[in-house]
Amino acid sequence: MQLDFGLRGKHAVVTGGANGIGFAAARLLAAHGATVHIFDLERENPGEAARQIGAQACAADVTDRESLDAAFQAAGTPDILVANAGIASEAEFCEHTRGEWDRILSVNLSGAFHSMQAAAHLMKQGRGGAMVLTASTNSYDGEARLAAYNASKAGLLGLVHTAANELGPFQIRVNAVCPGLIRTRLTEAHFARPEILRNYFRQIPLGRGGEADEVAQAIGFLASDLASYVTGATLLVDGGQMASKFGTWSEETAEFRDGRWQLRQAFR
């Protein structure tokens, strides 16, 4: 029996919806009866992504407020906003360039703010609604070589708390999901290297990375009326990683095979 998210008849906008977690969220929302608009850069071919799931698309750049406003004007007032657009790049802390810092903050943090503000102006006209931001476990920790990404994702939690406070009287709920390492186009290179996964997944109680659909289900819950009394909250979707201070897995009781840690039969 499939859980009914109660999304039929809702109108959802998903930024960065042509790939990865955004596409998985758009697909889930559409599958549960929502009318979905994918907002993404033209080069990401949002129209093709939308056609695959019976959605609609608007070419939009979250770093350009005029582009966003035009997309919302074309799409109409949303009941749900999934502010998902994001990018990342790695560099040593002292080698991080100003240009790359500005680029990442512009998409991940400022882009989310402008998407939320544009949607809020429409939602406040009496319909209420729900916003879900794609933050990260990196909102909390200081993973090396990701200073700009970490700062942008930490900033999203400030947006969640402030927007939940100010938009609550208009019955607009604002929450975030915080994924761990999820298999997407951006992370596929990591998943292709077992020597990296072995040590990384040692810190994850479930012993593996996540899939975009698993994050999408959490987004669907927070966007739906099933979470009608949840706002200002963050939901970790990380296989327990943030609960594991010193790691979970050991060769004494487990082995790493098929891309994940598993208990040996004798310890099951």
Protein backbone atom coordinates (compact mmCIF):
# COMPACT_ATOMS: atom_id res chain seq x y z
CA MET A 1 0.00 0.00 0.00
CA GLN A 2 1.48 3.34 -1.07
CA LEU A 3 1.43 6.18 1.45
CA ASP A 4 -0.89 8.97 0.35
CA PHE A 5 0.95 12.27 0.73
CA GLY A 6 -2.28 14.18 0.00
CA LEU A 7 -0.61 16.18 -2.76
CA ARG A 8 -3.27 15.83 -5.42
CA GLY A 9 -4.27 19.24 -6.70
CA LYS A 10 -1.24 20.99 -5.18
CA HIS A 11 1.06 23.13 -7.30
CA ALA A 12 4.78 22.62 -6.68
CA VAL A 13 7.88 24.44 -7.91
CA VAL A 14 11.23 22.66 -7.68
CA THR A 15 14.38 24.69 -8.30
CA GLY A 16 17.32 22.74 -9.66
CA GLY A 17 14.76 20.12 -10.59
CA ALA A 18 16.29 18.76 -13.78
CA ASN A 19 18.77 16.44 -12.05
CA GLY A 20 19.61 14.60 -8.86
CA ILE A 21 17.63 15.18 -5.68
CA GLY A 22 15.59 17.92 -7.33
CA PHE A 23 14.47 15.65 -10.15
CA ALA A 24 13.65 12.85 -7.72
CA ALA A 25 11.55 15.27 -5.66
CA ALA A 26 9.76 16.59 -8.73
CA ARG A 27 9.04 13.03 -9.87
CA LEU A 28 7.62 12.04 -6.48
CA LEU A 29 5.43 15.13 -6.22
CA ALA A 30 4.10 14.56 -9.75
CA ALA A 31 3.50 10.87 -9.07
CA HIS A 32 1.34 11.82 -6.10
CA GLY A 33 -0.88 14.12 -8.12
CA ALA A 34 0.78 17.52 -7.78
CA THR A 35 1.15 19.86 -10.72
CA VAL A 36 4.91 20.40 -10.90
CA HIS A 37 7.03 23.10 -12.46
CA ILE A 38 10.75 22.42 -12.74
CA PHE A 39 12.91 25.55 -12.61
CA ASP A 40 16.45 25.06 -13.89
CA LEU A 41 19.07 26.54 -16.18
CA GLU A 42 18.41 26.17 -19.89
CA ARG A 43 21.61 24.13 -20.32
CA GLU A 44 20.23 21.54 -17.88
CA ASN A 45 17.31 20.93 -20.27
CA PRO A 46 14.47 21.28 -17.75
CA GLY A 47 11.91 20.76 -20.51
CA GLU A 48 13.12 17.23 -21.20
CA ALA A 49 13.22 16.40 -17.49
CA ALA A 50 9.68 17.69 -17.11
CA ARG A 51 8.41 15.66 -20.06
CA GLN A 52 9.75 12.48 -18.46
CA ILE A 53 7.49 12.88 -15.41
CA GLY A 54 4.47 14.71 -16.81
CA ALA A 55 5.54 18.06 -15.36
CA GLN A 56 6.15 21.51 -16.81
CA ALA A 57 9.34 23.53 -16.99
CA CYS A 58 10.63 27.08 -16.83
CA ALA A 59 14.17 28.07 -17.68
CA ALA A 60 15.31 30.03 -14.64
CA ASP A 61 18.53 31.11 -12.96
CA VAL A 62 18.22 31.35 -9.17
CA THR A 63 21.07 33.88 -9.10
CA ASP A 64 19.04 36.26 -11.29
CA ARG A 65 15.98 37.67 -9.52
CA GLU A 66 14.40 38.92 -12.75
CA SER A 67 14.71 35.41 -14.19
CA LEU A 68 13.10 33.92 -11.09
CA ASP A 69 10.26 36.43 -11.00
CA ALA A 70 9.52 35.76 -14.67
CA ALA A 71 9.45 32.01 -14.02
CA PHE A 72 7.06 32.38 -11.09
CA GLN A 73 4.85 34.66 -13.18
CA ALA A 74 4.70 32.00 -15.86
CA ALA A 75 4.17 29.12 -13.43
CA GLY A 76 1.68 30.80 -11.11
CA THR A 77 1.28 30.70 -7.35
CA PRO A 78 2.78 27.57 -5.78
CA ASP A 79 1.47 25.63 -2.82
CA ILE A 80 4.91 24.01 -2.45
CA LEU A 81 8.40 25.30 -3.06
CA VAL A 82 11.35 22.93 -3.03
CA ALA A 83 14.42 25.20 -2.96
CA ASN A 84 16.96 22.69 -4.12
CA ALA A 85 19.31 24.38 -6.62
CA GLY A 86 22.90 23.96 -5.50
CA ILE A 87 26.50 23.54 -6.60
CA ALA A 88 29.79 22.56 -4.98
CA SER A 89 33.50 22.61 -5.64
CA GLU A 90 36.53 21.62 -3.59
CA ALA A 91 39.58 23.67 -2.63
CA GLU A 92 41.92 23.97 0.32
CA PHE A 93 40.73 26.66 2.73
CA CYS A 94 43.59 29.05 1.94
CA GLU A 95 43.30 28.37 -1.80
CA HIS A 96 39.57 29.08 -2.13
CA THR A 97 39.21 31.85 -4.69
CA ARG A 98 36.90 34.79 -4.19
CA GLY A 99 35.20 34.02 -7.48
CA GLU A 100 34.36 30.46 -6.46
CA TRP A 101 33.23 31.58 -3.00
CA ASP A 102 30.88 34.15 -4.56
CA ARG A 103 29.58 31.65 -7.14
CA ILE A 104 28.68 28.98 -4.58
CA LEU A 105 27.09 31.40 -2.11
CA SER A 106 25.16 33.04 -4.94
CA VAL A 107 23.54 29.77 -6.01
CA ASN A 108 23.21 27.86 -2.75
CA LEU A 109 22.31 30.61 -0.29
CA SER A 110 21.26 33.75 -2.13
CA GLY A 111 19.48 31.63 -4.73
CA ALA A 112 17.45 29.92 -2.03
CA PHE A 113 16.61 33.26 -0.40
CA HIS A 114 15.39 34.79 -3.65
CA SER A 115 13.39 31.66 -4.52
CA MET A 116 11.75 31.70 -1.09
CA GLN A 117 11.05 35.42 -1.15
CA ALA A 118 9.53 35.29 -4.63
CA ALA A 119 7.34 32.34 -3.63
CA ALA A 120 6.37 33.93 -0.31
CA HIS A 121 5.04 37.07 -2.00
CA LEU A 122 2.62 34.82 -3.88
CA MET A 123 1.83 32.38 -1.06
CA LYS A 124 1.02 35.18 1.39
CA GLN A 125 -2.03 36.11 -0.66
CA GLY A 126 -4.04 33.69 1.43
CA ARG A 127 -3.29 30.18 0.23
CA GLY A 128 -0.59 29.24 2.71
CA GLY A 129 1.81 26.52 1.67
CA ALA A 130 5.05 24.72 2.40
CA MET A 131 8.69 25.33 1.59
CA VAL A 132 11.38 22.68 1.81
CA LEU A 133 15.05 23.56 1.46
CA THR A 134 17.76 21.10 0.52
CA ALA A 135 20.43 21.75 3.14
CA SER A 136 23.05 19.15 4.12
CA THR A 137 24.84 17.37 6.91
CA ASN A 138 27.50 19.91 5.96
CA SER A 139 25.20 22.51 7.51
CA TYR A 140 26.59 21.20 10.81
CA ASP A 141 30.12 19.94 10.20
CA GLY A 142 33.31 21.33 8.74
CA GLU A 143 34.22 18.83 6.05
CA ALA A 144 37.61 19.78 4.66
CA ARG A 145 38.01 21.48 1.26
CA LEU A 146 34.37 22.63 1.23
CA ALA A 147 34.45 25.99 3.00
CA ALA A 148 32.05 27.79 0.67
CA TYR A 149 29.68 24.85 0.38
CA ASN A 150 29.62 24.33 4.14
CA ALA A 151 28.99 28.02 4.81
CA SER A 152 26.19 28.14 2.25
CA LYS A 153 24.45 25.09 3.69
CA ALA A 154 24.82 26.35 7.26
CA GLY A 155 23.25 29.62 6.12
CA LEU A 156 20.20 27.77 4.83
CA LEU A 157 19.31 26.75 8.39
CA GLY A 158 19.26 30.42 9.35
CA LEU A 159 16.84 31.03 6.49
CA VAL A 160 14.66 28.13 7.62
CA HIS A 161 14.37 29.43 11.17
CA THR A 162 13.77 33.06 10.18
CA ALA A 163 11.30 32.31 7.40
CA ALA A 164 9.39 29.82 9.57
CA ASN A 165 9.03 32.53 12.21
CA GLU A 166 7.94 35.29 9.86
CA LEU A 167 5.81 33.27 7.46
CA GLY A 168 4.08 31.09 10.05
CA PRO A 169 1.26 33.62 10.62
CA PHE A 170 0.44 33.25 6.92
CA GLN A 171 0.24 29.45 7.38
CA ILE A 172 3.39 28.94 5.31
CA ARG A 173 5.57 26.17 6.74
CA VAL A 174 9.33 26.19 6.15
CA ASN A 175 11.56 23.16 6.74
CA ALA A 176 14.75 21.59 5.43
CA VAL A 177 16.15 18.18 4.66
CA CYS A 178 19.82 17.56 5.43
CA PRO A 179 21.09 14.75 3.21
CA GLY A 180 24.37 12.96 3.75
CA LEU A 181 26.28 11.43 0.84
CA ILE A 182 23.62 10.77 -1.81
CA ARG A 183 24.25 9.21 -5.21
CA THR A 184 23.72 11.97 -7.79
CA ARG A 185 25.50 13.26 -10.86
CA LEU A 186 27.66 15.46 -8.61
CA THR A 187 28.74 12.58 -6.36
CA GLU A 188 28.94 9.71 -8.86
CA ALA A 189 32.74 9.95 -8.93
CA HIS A 190 32.84 9.22 -5.19
CA PHE A 191 30.54 6.23 -5.53
CA ALA A 192 32.82 4.84 -8.24
CA ARG A 193 35.77 4.60 -5.82
CA PRO A 194 35.36 1.75 -3.28
CA GLU A 195 38.53 2.77 -1.44
CA ILE A 196 36.87 6.09 -0.56
CA LEU A 197 33.50 4.58 0.28
CA ARG A 198 35.01 2.00 2.62
CA ASN A 199 36.26 4.61 5.04
CA TYR A 200 33.45 7.11 4.49
CA PHE A 201 30.70 4.57 5.09
CA ARG A 202 32.49 3.29 8.20
CA GLN A 203 30.99 6.36 9.93
CA ILE A 204 27.42 5.63 8.80
CA PRO A 205 25.33 3.26 10.96
CA LEU A 206 23.38 1.98 7.95
CA GLY A 207 26.70 1.28 6.25
CA ARG A 208 25.95 2.82 2.85
CA GLY A 209 25.24 5.99 0.92
CA GLY A 210 21.77 7.18 0.07
CA GLU A 211 19.72 7.43 -3.10
CA ALA A 212 18.00 10.55 -4.39
CA ASP A 213 14.59 8.90 -4.07
CA GLU A 214 15.17 8.44 -0.34
CA VAL A 215 15.68 12.18 0.08
CA ALA A 216 12.69 12.87 -2.15
CA GLN A 217 10.43 10.89 0.18
CA ALA A 218 11.52 13.07 3.10
CA ILE A 219 10.88 16.18 1.01
CA GLY A 220 7.46 14.86 0.05
CA PHE A 221 6.57 14.34 3.71
CA LEU A 222 7.62 17.84 4.77
CA ALA A 223 5.83 19.38 1.78
CA SER A 224 2.61 17.53 2.51
CA ASP A 225 -0.18 18.00 5.01
CA LEU A 226 1.17 14.96 6.85
CA ALA A 227 3.63 17.49 8.31
CA SER A 228 0.93 20.11 8.96
CA TYR A 229 2.33 20.99 12.42
CA VAL A 230 6.01 20.87 11.45
CA THR A 231 7.81 24.11 10.66
CA GLY A 232 11.28 25.47 11.36
CA ALA A 233 12.59 21.91 11.47
CA THR A 234 15.45 20.05 9.82
CA LEU A 235 15.26 16.37 8.93
CA LEU A 236 18.52 14.45 8.63
CA VAL A 237 18.53 11.96 5.75
CA ASP A 238 22.00 10.56 6.32
CA GLY A 239 21.80 6.91 7.35
CA GLY A 240 22.62 7.97 10.92
CA GLN A 241 25.93 9.61 10.07
CA MET A 242 25.43 12.62 12.36
CA ALA A 243 24.62 10.27 15.25
CA SER A 244 27.91 8.39 14.92
CA LYS A 245 30.73 10.27 16.64
CA PHE A 246 33.50 7.68 16.43
CA GLY A 247 32.23 5.45 13.64
CA THR A 248 30.11 2.32 13.62
CA TRP A 249 31.79 -0.37 11.53
CA SER A 250 34.78 -2.58 12.29
CA GLU A 251 36.46 -5.44 10.43
CA GLU A 252 36.09 -7.50 13.62
CA THR A 253 32.37 -7.89 13.03
CA ALA A 254 31.73 -6.74 9.47
CA GLU A 255 33.04 -6.60 5.94
CA PHE A 256 32.79 -4.05 3.15
CA ARG A 257 31.36 -5.57 -0.01
CA ASP A 258 29.08 -4.50 -2.84
CA GLY A 259 29.60 -0.86 -1.91
CA ARG A 260 28.41 -1.10 1.67
CA TRP A 261 29.31 -2.39 5.13
CA GLN A 262 27.54 -5.56 6.23
CA LEU A 263 27.70 -7.65 9.38
CA ARG A 264 29.29 -11.04 9.02
CA GLN A 265 26.87 -13.92 9.38
CA ALA A 266 28.25 -14.89 12.79
CA PHE A 267 27.24 -11.50 14.22
CA ARG A 268 23.76 -11.27 12.76
